[in-house]
C-alpha atoms as a PDB file:
ATOM      1  CA  MET A   1      13.915 -36.895  -9.376  1.00  0.00           C
ATOM      2  CA  LYS A   2      16.316 -37.349  -6.452  1.00  0.00           C
ATOM      3  CA  LYS A   3      14.779 -38.196  -3.100  1.00  0.00           C
ATOM      4  CA  LYS A   4      15.132 -35.564  -0.381  1.00  0.00           C
ATOM      5  CA  THR A   5      17.620 -36.424   2.346  1.00  0.00           C
ATOM      6  CA  VAL A   6      16.507 -36.733   5.967  1.00  0.00           C
ATOM      7  CA  ARG A   7      18.115 -33.369   6.670  1.00  0.00           C
ATOM      8  CA  GLN A   8      16.238 -31.727   3.782  1.00  0.00           C
ATOM      9  CA  ARG A   9      12.935 -33.191   4.973  1.00  0.00           C
ATOM     10  CA  LYS A  10      13.572 -31.868   8.485  1.00  0.00           C
ATOM     11  CA  ARG A  11      14.291 -28.405   7.118  1.00  0.00           C
ATOM     12  CA  LEU A  12      11.073 -28.454   5.074  1.00  0.00           C
ATOM     13  CA  LEU A  13       9.059 -29.574   8.114  1.00  0.00           C
ATOM     14  CA  LEU A  14      10.526 -26.811  10.282  1.00  0.00           C
ATOM     15  CA  TRP A  15       9.756 -24.214   7.600  1.00  0.00           C
ATOM     16  CA  LEU A  16       6.185 -25.357   7.313  1.00  0.00           C
ATOM     17  CA  ILE A  17       5.659 -25.201  11.057  1.00  0.00           C
ATOM     18  CA  PHE A  18       7.235 -21.736  11.226  1.00  0.00           C
ATOM     19  CA  ALA A  19       5.285 -20.344   8.292  1.00  0.00           C
ATOM     20  CA  ASP A  20       1.946 -19.944  10.053  1.00  0.00           C
ATOM     21  CA  LEU A  21       1.890 -16.204   9.375  1.00  0.00           C
ATOM     22  CA  LEU A  22       3.230 -14.596   6.234  1.00  0.00           C
ATOM     23  CA  LEU A  23       2.649 -11.369   4.346  1.00  0.00           C
ATOM     24  CA  ILE A  24       2.146 -10.674   0.693  1.00  0.00           C
ATOM     25  CA  SER A  25       4.273  -7.759  -0.531  1.00  0.00           C
ATOM     26  CA  VAL A  26       3.618  -6.735  -4.103  1.00  0.00           C
ATOM     27  CA  MET A  27       4.317  -4.105  -6.650  1.00  0.00           C
ATOM     28  CA  SER A  28       1.739  -5.850  -8.812  1.00  0.00           C
ATOM     29  CA  MET A  29       1.067  -9.425  -7.664  1.00  0.00           C
ATOM     30  CA  THR A  30       2.738 -11.984  -5.391  1.00  0.00           C
ATOM     31  CA  LEU A  31       1.613 -15.340  -4.023  1.00  0.00           C
ATOM     32  CA  ALA A  32       2.155 -16.601  -0.483  1.00  0.00           C
ATOM     33  CA  TYR A  33       0.915 -19.668   1.404  1.00  0.00           C
ATOM     34  CA  PHE A  34      -0.567 -19.907   4.877  1.00  0.00           C
ATOM     35  CA  THR A  35       0.206 -23.336   6.255  1.00  0.00           C
ATOM     36  CA  SER A  36      -1.520 -25.312   9.006  1.00  0.00           C
ATOM     37  CA  PHE A  37      -1.156 -28.870  10.208  1.00  0.00           C
ATOM     38  CA  ASP A  38      -3.241 -31.665  11.649  1.00  0.00           C
ATOM     39  CA  GLU A  39      -1.682 -32.772  14.950  1.00  0.00           C
ATOM     40  CA  VAL A  40      -3.056 -36.316  14.629  1.00  0.00           C
ATOM     41  CA  THR A  41      -2.038 -37.212  11.101  1.00  0.00           C
ATOM     42  CA  ASN A  42       0.717 -34.617  10.587  1.00  0.00           C
ATOM     43  CA  ARG A  43      -0.754 -33.764   7.199  1.00  0.00           C
ATOM     44  CA  PHE A  44       0.029 -30.267   5.956  1.00  0.00           C
ATOM     45  CA  THR A  45      -2.382 -28.189   3.870  1.00  0.00           C
ATOM     46  CA  ALA A  46      -1.593 -24.946   2.044  1.00  0.00           C
ATOM     47  CA  VAL A  47      -4.242 -22.235   1.753  1.00  0.00           C
ATOM     48  CA  PRO A  48      -3.631 -19.989  -1.271  1.00  0.00           C
ATOM     49  CA  MET A  49      -3.723 -16.234  -0.722  1.00  0.00           C
ATOM     50  CA  ASP A  50      -3.209 -13.683  -3.434  1.00  0.00           C
ATOM     51  CA  ILE A  51      -3.746  -9.946  -3.868  1.00  0.00           C
ATOM     52  CA  ALA A  52      -3.327  -7.706  -6.885  1.00  0.00           C
ATOM     53  CA  LEU A  53      -2.549  -3.995  -7.069  1.00  0.00           C
ATOM     54  CA  TYR A  54      -4.371  -2.142  -9.847  1.00  0.00           C
ATOM     55  CA  GLU A  55      -4.242   1.434 -11.142  1.00  0.00           C
ATOM     56  CA  THR A  56      -6.841   1.211 -13.877  1.00  0.00           C
ATOM     57  CA  ASN A  57      -6.881   4.806 -15.130  1.00  0.00           C
ATOM     58  CA  TYR A  58      -3.116   5.171 -14.807  1.00  0.00           C
ATOM     59  CA  ASP A  59      -2.490   1.917 -16.688  1.00  0.00           C
ATOM     60  CA  ALA A  60      -4.677   3.208 -19.537  1.00  0.00           C
ATOM     61  CA  LEU A  61      -2.275   6.116 -20.152  1.00  0.00           C
ATOM     62  CA  SER A  62       0.364   5.963 -22.844  1.00  0.00           C
ATOM     63  CA  GLU A  63       4.018   5.751 -21.846  1.00  0.00           C
ATOM     64  CA  ARG A  64       4.496   9.359 -22.931  1.00  0.00           C
ATOM     65  CA  GLN A  65       1.585  10.529 -20.787  1.00  0.00           C
ATOM     66  CA  ARG A  66       2.994   8.705 -17.771  1.00  0.00           C
ATOM     67  CA  THR A  67       6.482  10.152 -18.137  1.00  0.00           C
ATOM     68  CA  THR A  68       5.677  13.712 -19.251  1.00  0.00           C
ATOM     69  CA  LEU A  69       4.715  15.668 -16.156  1.00  0.00           C
ATOM     70  CA  ILE A  70       3.434  19.228 -16.392  1.00  0.00           C
ATOM     71  CA  PRO A  71       3.099  21.383 -13.244  1.00  0.00           C
ATOM     72  CA  ASN A  72      -0.480  21.849 -12.006  1.00  0.00           C
ATOM     73  CA  ARG A  73      -1.841  19.215 -14.421  1.00  0.00           C
ATOM     74  CA  LEU A  74      -3.652  16.250 -12.895  1.00  0.00           C
ATOM     75  CA  LEU A  75      -2.411  12.804 -13.884  1.00  0.00           C
ATOM     76  CA  PRO A  76      -4.734   9.864 -13.139  1.00  0.00           C
ATOM     77  CA  LYS A  77      -3.247   7.477 -10.589  1.00  0.00           C
ATOM     78  CA  ASP A  78      -5.799   5.402  -8.704  1.00  0.00           C
ATOM     79  CA  PRO A  79      -4.397   2.504  -6.625  1.00  0.00           C
ATOM     80  CA  VAL A  80      -6.751  -0.222  -5.399  1.00  0.00           C
ATOM     81  CA  ILE A  81      -6.128  -3.732  -4.035  1.00  0.00           C
ATOM     82  CA  GLN A  82      -8.162  -6.774  -5.036  1.00  0.00           C
ATOM     83  CA  ASN A  83      -8.305 -10.069  -3.155  1.00  0.00           C
ATOM     84  CA  THR A  84      -7.868 -12.576  -5.994  1.00  0.00           C
ATOM     85  CA  GLU A  85      -8.277 -15.716  -3.874  1.00  0.00           C
ATOM     86  CA  LYS A  86     -10.889 -17.156  -1.492  1.00  0.00           C
ATOM     87  CA  THR A  87      -8.975 -16.474   1.720  1.00  0.00           C
ATOM     88  CA  ASP A  88     -10.187 -13.334   3.555  1.00  0.00           C
ATOM     89  CA  VAL A  89      -7.411 -10.745   3.847  1.00  0.00           C
ATOM     90  CA  PHE A  90      -6.526  -7.476   5.549  1.00  0.00           C
ATOM     91  CA  VAL A  91      -4.651  -5.158   3.211  1.00  0.00           C
ATOM     92  CA  PHE A  92      -2.297  -2.184   3.422  1.00  0.00           C
ATOM     93  CA  LEU A  93      -0.960   0.405   0.974  1.00  0.00           C
ATOM     94  CA  LYS A  94       2.361   2.225   1.263  1.00  0.00           C
ATOM     95  CA  VAL A  95       3.028   5.313  -0.877  1.00  0.00           C
ATOM     96  CA  THR A  96       6.482   6.861  -1.313  1.00  0.00           C
ATOM     97  CA  VAL A  97       6.884  10.357  -2.784  1.00  0.00           C
ATOM     98  CA  PRO A  98      10.045  12.379  -3.547  1.00  0.00           C
ATOM     99  CA  VAL A  99      11.116  15.306  -1.351  1.00  0.00           C
ATOM    100  CA  GLY A 100      13.562  18.164  -1.983  1.00  0.00           C
ATOM    101  CA  ILE A 101      14.314  21.864  -1.567  1.00  0.00           C
ATOM    102  CA  VAL A 102      12.350  23.726  -4.247  1.00  0.00           C
ATOM    103  CA  THR A 103      10.606  27.073  -4.810  1.00  0.00           C
ATOM    104  CA  ASN A 104       6.904  27.330  -5.533  1.00  0.00           C
ATOM    105  CA  VAL A 105       5.888  29.813  -8.234  1.00  0.00           C
ATOM    106  CA  ASN A 106       2.688  31.286  -9.629  1.00  0.00           C
ATOM    107  CA  ASP A 107       1.568  30.792 -13.223  1.00  0.00           C
ATOM    108  CA  ASP A 108       3.355  34.030 -14.203  1.00  0.00           C
ATOM    109  CA  GLY A 109       6.631  32.804 -12.742  1.00  0.00           C
ATOM    110  CA  THR A 110       6.619  34.954  -9.616  1.00  0.00           C
ATOM    111  CA  VAL A 111       7.540  33.278  -6.341  1.00  0.00           C
ATOM    112  CA  SER A 112       4.608  32.140  -4.215  1.00  0.00           C
ATOM    113  CA  ARG A 113       6.680  30.357  -1.523  1.00  0.00           C
ATOM    114  CA  PRO A 114      10.443  30.658  -0.944  1.00  0.00           C
ATOM    115  CA  PRO A 115      12.730  27.617  -1.229  1.00  0.00           C
ATOM    116  CA  GLN A 116      11.918  24.970   1.360  1.00  0.00           C
ATOM    117  CA  ARG A 117      11.899  21.205   1.788  1.00  0.00           C
ATOM    118  CA  GLN A 118       8.637  19.758   0.529  1.00  0.00           C
ATOM    119  CA  GLU A 119       7.043  16.923  -1.393  1.00  0.00           C
ATOM    120  CA  PHE A 120       7.120  17.438  -5.153  1.00  0.00           C
ATOM    121  CA  PHE A 121       3.591  16.102  -5.694  1.00  0.00           C
ATOM    122  CA  PHE A 122       0.059  16.514  -4.437  1.00  0.00           C
ATOM    123  CA  LEU A 123      -1.916  13.268  -4.173  1.00  0.00           C
ATOM    124  CA  LYS A 124      -5.615  14.026  -4.619  1.00  0.00           C
ATOM    125  CA  THR A 125      -8.998  12.370  -4.373  1.00  0.00           C
ATOM    126  CA  GLU A 126     -11.676  12.987  -6.989  1.00  0.00           C
ATOM    127  CA  GLU A 127     -13.576  15.097  -4.463  1.00  0.00           C
ATOM    128  CA  GLN A 128     -10.534  17.291  -3.736  1.00  0.00           C
ATOM    129  CA  ARG A 129      -9.012  17.538  -7.190  1.00  0.00           C
ATOM    130  CA  ARG A 130      -9.137  21.352  -7.058  1.00  0.00           C
ATOM    131  CA  ALA A 131      -7.516  21.583  -3.624  1.00  0.00           C
ATOM    132  CA  SER A 132      -3.896  22.629  -3.197  1.00  0.00           C
ATOM    133  CA  ALA A 133      -3.305  19.794  -0.772  1.00  0.00           C
ATOM    134  CA  THR A 134      -2.770  16.065  -0.523  1.00  0.00           C
ATOM    135  CA  THR A 135      -5.964  14.176   0.331  1.00  0.00           C
ATOM    136  CA  PHE A 136      -6.843  10.492   0.758  1.00  0.00           C
ATOM    137  CA  HIS A 137     -10.036   8.442   1.038  1.00  0.00           C
ATOM    138  CA  THR A 138      -9.989   8.274   4.838  1.00  0.00           C
ATOM    139  CA  GLN A 139     -13.625   9.176   5.536  1.00  0.00           C
ATOM    140  CA  GLN A 140     -16.340   6.546   5.854  1.00  0.00           C
ATOM    141  CA  ASP A 141     -19.323   6.901   3.543  1.00  0.00           C
ATOM    142  CA  ALA A 142     -22.745   7.115   5.165  1.00  0.00           C
ATOM    143  CA  ASP A 143     -23.767   3.771   3.657  1.00  0.00           C
ATOM    144  CA  ASP A 144     -20.387   2.046   3.808  1.00  0.00           C
ATOM    145  CA  THR A 145     -17.916   1.518   6.645  1.00  0.00           C
ATOM    146  CA  ALA A 146     -14.938   0.763   4.414  1.00  0.00           C
ATOM    147  CA  CYS A 147     -12.202   3.380   4.182  1.00  0.00           C
ATOM    148  CA  TRP A 148      -8.441   3.804   4.348  1.00  0.00           C
ATOM    149  CA  VAL A 149      -6.939   4.494   7.788  1.00  0.00           C
ATOM    150  CA  GLU A 150      -3.581   6.259   8.073  1.00  0.00           C
ATOM    151  CA  LEU A 151      -0.996   4.572  10.318  1.00  0.00           C
ATOM    152  CA  LEU A 152       1.185   7.516  11.255  1.00  0.00           C
ATOM    153  CA  GLN A 153       3.529   5.598  13.559  1.00  0.00           C
ATOM    154  CA  TYR A 154       4.856   3.526  10.654  1.00  0.00           C
ATOM    155  CA  GLU A 155       5.451   6.393   8.264  1.00  0.00           C
ATOM    156  CA  GLU A 156       8.929   7.699   7.477  1.00  0.00           C
ATOM    157  CA  GLY A 157      10.327  11.044   6.413  1.00  0.00           C
ATOM    158  CA  THR A 158       7.416  12.972   7.906  1.00  0.00           C
ATOM    159  CA  ASP A 159       9.824  15.780   8.882  1.00  0.00           C
ATOM    160  CA  LEU A 160      10.706  16.105   5.171  1.00  0.00           C
ATOM    161  CA  GLN A 161      14.426  15.940   5.967  1.00  0.00           C
ATOM    162  CA  SER A 162      15.163  12.950   3.733  1.00  0.00           C
ATOM    163  CA  ASP A 163      14.791  12.474  -0.019  1.00  0.00           C
ATOM    164  CA  VAL A 164      11.445  10.675   0.293  1.00  0.00           C
ATOM    165  CA  ARG A 165       8.372  10.661   2.491  1.00  0.00           C
ATOM    166  CA  THR A 166       6.246   7.534   2.970  1.00  0.00           C
ATOM    167  CA  TYR A 167       2.564   7.193   3.807  1.00  0.00           C
ATOM    168  CA  LEU A 168       1.033   3.977   5.169  1.00  0.00           C
ATOM    169  CA  PHE A 169      -2.658   3.059   5.216  1.00  0.00           C
ATOM    170  CA  GLY A 170      -4.638   0.027   6.328  1.00  0.00           C
ATOM    171  CA  TYR A 171      -8.081  -0.822   4.977  1.00  0.00           C
ATOM    172  CA  SER A 172     -10.672  -0.702   7.751  1.00  0.00           C
ATOM    173  CA  VAL A 173     -12.380  -3.998   6.813  1.00  0.00           C
ATOM    174  CA  TYR A 174     -11.110  -7.278   5.417  1.00  0.00           C
ATOM    175  CA  LEU A 175     -11.664  -8.261   1.787  1.00  0.00           C
ATOM    176  CA  HIS A 176     -13.742 -11.287   0.847  1.00  0.00           C
ATOM    177  CA  ALA A 177     -12.770 -13.308  -2.211  1.00  0.00           C
ATOM    178  CA  TYR A 178     -12.496 -11.062  -5.284  1.00  0.00           C
ATOM    179  CA  GLU A 179     -13.498  -7.908  -3.411  1.00  0.00           C
ATOM    180  CA  THR A 180     -11.676  -4.664  -4.172  1.00  0.00           C
ATOM    181  CA  THR A 181     -10.844  -1.681  -1.990  1.00  0.00           C
ATOM    182  CA  LYS A 182     -11.737   1.893  -2.744  1.00  0.00           C
ATOM    183  CA  THR A 183      -9.025   3.953  -4.339  1.00  0.00           C
ATOM    184  CA  LEU A 184      -6.603   5.501  -1.869  1.00  0.00           C
ATOM    185  CA  PHE A 185      -6.371   8.591  -4.089  1.00  0.00           C
ATOM    186  CA  ASP A 186      -7.269   9.322  -7.707  1.00  0.00           C
ATOM    187  CA  TYR A 187      -4.692  11.762  -9.124  1.00  0.00           C
ATOM    188  CA  ILE A 188      -1.154  13.012  -8.724  1.00  0.00           C
ATOM    189  CA  GLU A 189      -0.185  16.577  -9.524  1.00  0.00           C
ATOM    190  CA  LEU A 190       3.332  17.958  -9.882  1.00  0.00           C
ATOM    191  CA  LYS A 191       3.567  21.197  -7.924  1.00  0.00           C
ATOM    192  CA  ASN A 192       4.361  24.415  -9.768  1.00  0.00           C
ATOM    193  CA  ILE A 193       8.087  24.472  -9.061  1.00  0.00           C
ATOM    194  CA  ARG A 194      10.641  26.976 -10.352  1.00  0.00           C
ATOM    195  CA  GLN A 195      12.211  25.798 -13.574  1.00  0.00           C
ATOM    196  CA  PHE A 196      15.643  24.144 -13.372  1.00  0.00           C
ATOM    197  CA  GLU A 197      15.390  23.385  -9.642  1.00  0.00           C
ATOM    198  CA  ILE A 198      14.827  19.794 -10.712  1.00  0.00           C
ATOM    199  CA  ASP A 199      17.357  18.397 -13.160  1.00  0.00           C
ATOM    200  CA  ILE A 200      15.888  17.833 -16.609  1.00  0.00           C
ATOM    201  CA  GLY A 201      15.450  14.112 -17.132  1.00  0.00           C
ATOM    202  CA  GLU A 202      15.650  13.344 -13.408  1.00  0.00           C
ATOM    203  CA  PRO A 203      13.080  10.617 -12.674  1.00  0.00           C
ATOM    204  CA  LEU A 204      10.471  11.488 -10.065  1.00  0.00           C
ATOM    205  CA  HIS A 205       8.836   8.352  -8.735  1.00  0.00           C
ATOM    206  CA  VAL A 206       5.588   8.007  -6.829  1.00  0.00           C
ATOM    207  CA  MET A 207       5.873   4.390  -5.682  1.00  0.00           C
ATOM    208  CA  VAL A 208       2.879   2.394  -4.452  1.00  0.00           C
ATOM    209  CA  GLU A 209       3.253  -0.957  -2.658  1.00  0.00           C
ATOM    210  CA  ALA A 210       0.495  -3.317  -1.522  1.00  0.00           C
ATOM    211  CA  TYR A 211       0.557  -5.761   1.379  1.00  0.00           C
ATOM    212  CA  GLY A 212      -1.949  -8.354   2.539  1.00  0.00           C
ATOM    213  CA  VAL A 213      -2.311 -10.903   5.329  1.00  0.00           C
ATOM    214  CA  GLN A 214      -4.992 -13.493   5.937  1.00  0.00           C
ATOM    215  CA  ALA A 215      -7.754 -12.212   8.228  1.00  0.00           C
ATOM    216  CA  ASP A 216      -8.299 -15.411  10.233  1.00  0.00           C
ATOM    217  CA  GLY A 217      -6.310 -16.450  13.270  1.00  0.00           C
ATOM    218  CA  LEU A 218      -4.721 -13.118  14.172  1.00  0.00           C
ATOM    219  CA  ASP A 219      -4.287 -12.678  17.926  1.00  0.00           C
ATOM    220  CA  GLY A 220      -6.725 -10.154  19.377  1.00  0.00           C
ATOM    221  CA  ILE A 221      -8.316  -9.307  16.017  1.00  0.00           C
ATOM    222  CA  GLU A 222     -11.958 -10.164  15.306  1.00  0.00           C
ATOM    223  CA  LYS A 223     -12.693  -9.882  11.603  1.00  0.00           C
ATOM    224  CA  ASN A 224     -16.485 -10.069  12.025  1.00  0.00           C
ATOM    225  CA  ASN A 225     -19.019  -8.231  14.150  1.00  0.00           C
ATOM    226  CA  GLY A 226     -22.099 -10.427  14.247  1.00  0.00           C
ATOM    227  CA  GLU A 227     -22.958 -10.983  10.602  1.00  0.00           C
ATOM    228  CA  ASP A 228     -21.173  -7.840   9.414  1.00  0.00           C
ATOM    229  CA  LYS A 229     -17.513  -7.103   8.921  1.00  0.00           C
ATOM    230  CA  ALA A 230     -15.837  -5.591  11.944  1.00  0.00           C
ATOM    231  CA  VAL A 231     -14.507  -2.079  11.339  1.00  0.00           C
ATOM    232  CA  LEU A 232     -10.917  -2.003  12.556  1.00  0.00           C
ATOM    233  CA  THR A 233      -9.489   0.992  14.351  1.00  0.00           C
ATOM    234  CA  ALA A 234      -6.128   2.563  13.585  1.00  0.00           C
ATOM    235  CA  GLU A 235      -4.736   0.834  16.682  1.00  0.00           C
ATOM    236  CA  GLN A 236      -5.905  -2.607  15.501  1.00  0.00           C
ATOM    237  CA  LEU A 237      -4.549  -2.094  11.984  1.00  0.00           C
ATOM    238  CA  ALA A 238      -1.256  -0.858  13.420  1.00  0.00           C
ATOM    239  CA  ALA A 239      -1.078  -3.969  15.617  1.00  0.00           C
ATOM    240  CA  ILE A 240      -1.524  -6.226  12.571  1.00  0.00           C
ATOM    241  CA  TYR A 241       1.101  -4.346  10.604  1.00  0.00           C
ATOM    242  CA  GLY A 242       3.408  -4.406  13.623  1.00  0.00           C
ATOM    243  CA  MET A 243       3.180  -8.192  13.884  1.00  0.00           C
ATOM    244  CA  LEU A 244       4.055  -8.491  10.233  1.00  0.00           C
ATOM    245  CA  GLU A 245       6.927  -6.040  10.490  1.00  0.00           C
ATOM    246  CA  GLU A 246       8.395  -8.039  13.382  1.00  0.00           C
ATOM    247  CA  THR A 247       8.514 -11.111  11.131  1.00  0.00           C
ATOM    248  CA  HIS A 248      10.351  -9.017   8.503  1.00  0.00           C
ATOM    249  CA  ALA A 249       7.603 -10.024   6.089  1.00  0.00           C
ATOM    250  CA  VAL A 250       6.869  -6.447   5.034  1.00  0.00           C
ATOM    251  CA  THR A 251      10.124  -6.070   3.095  1.00  0.00           C
ATOM    252  CA  PRO A 252       9.109  -5.231  -0.494  1.00  0.00           C
ATOM    253  CA  THR A 253       9.978  -7.797  -3.133  1.00  0.00           C
ATOM    254  CA  GLY A 254       9.704  -5.429  -6.081  1.00  0.00           C
END
């Protein structure tokens, strides 16, 4: 193996010093390192951090079930994030859904809403599977403080004037090693749209992306409250995501 030149070693040293805050961006799984150094000995140590995005019920479907969408029929899709390493992490989920001008119809084919720009899908929780609305797990349980918190200021396409609309959520508490979040939602449902307003064979993607950052050492963020996990507000989660966005570390890799 060739020895690194002095210039290469300097570049590596500068990278290690700079890389004190990174973000994991995954479609399924990605590994990043959080690097610190000892000022006396100048030894560098890498702390492994890893998260995984799972959709257990969706992954159990056959390829035909995943790609054959029928209006008003629920399709399981249940994203969760797991911390797969020992480093505590804060995590985020971004969801992107398609938007277009379409007409809503009743089961008998009559028009229920005239043509208008809208999302093609409902995203639904188990509790709201019968609702004609998009719902997320954003309410704390009586015996659990963990929930998803919507970060409206970082969402795009909320006016429905582009081809997609994105949602962004932060998890209100950090994840210990091997802990898993609640699902953000549990089903997707294609709206009852007038036939032929969507080209046959046109792919309709509901994309889910997961992000994570180590919970220790973030300016102004206390991950614990006494012996319990601190419950972060929307403002605190937005501040964390904002720091990561400024480093350009939230650019998806998938």
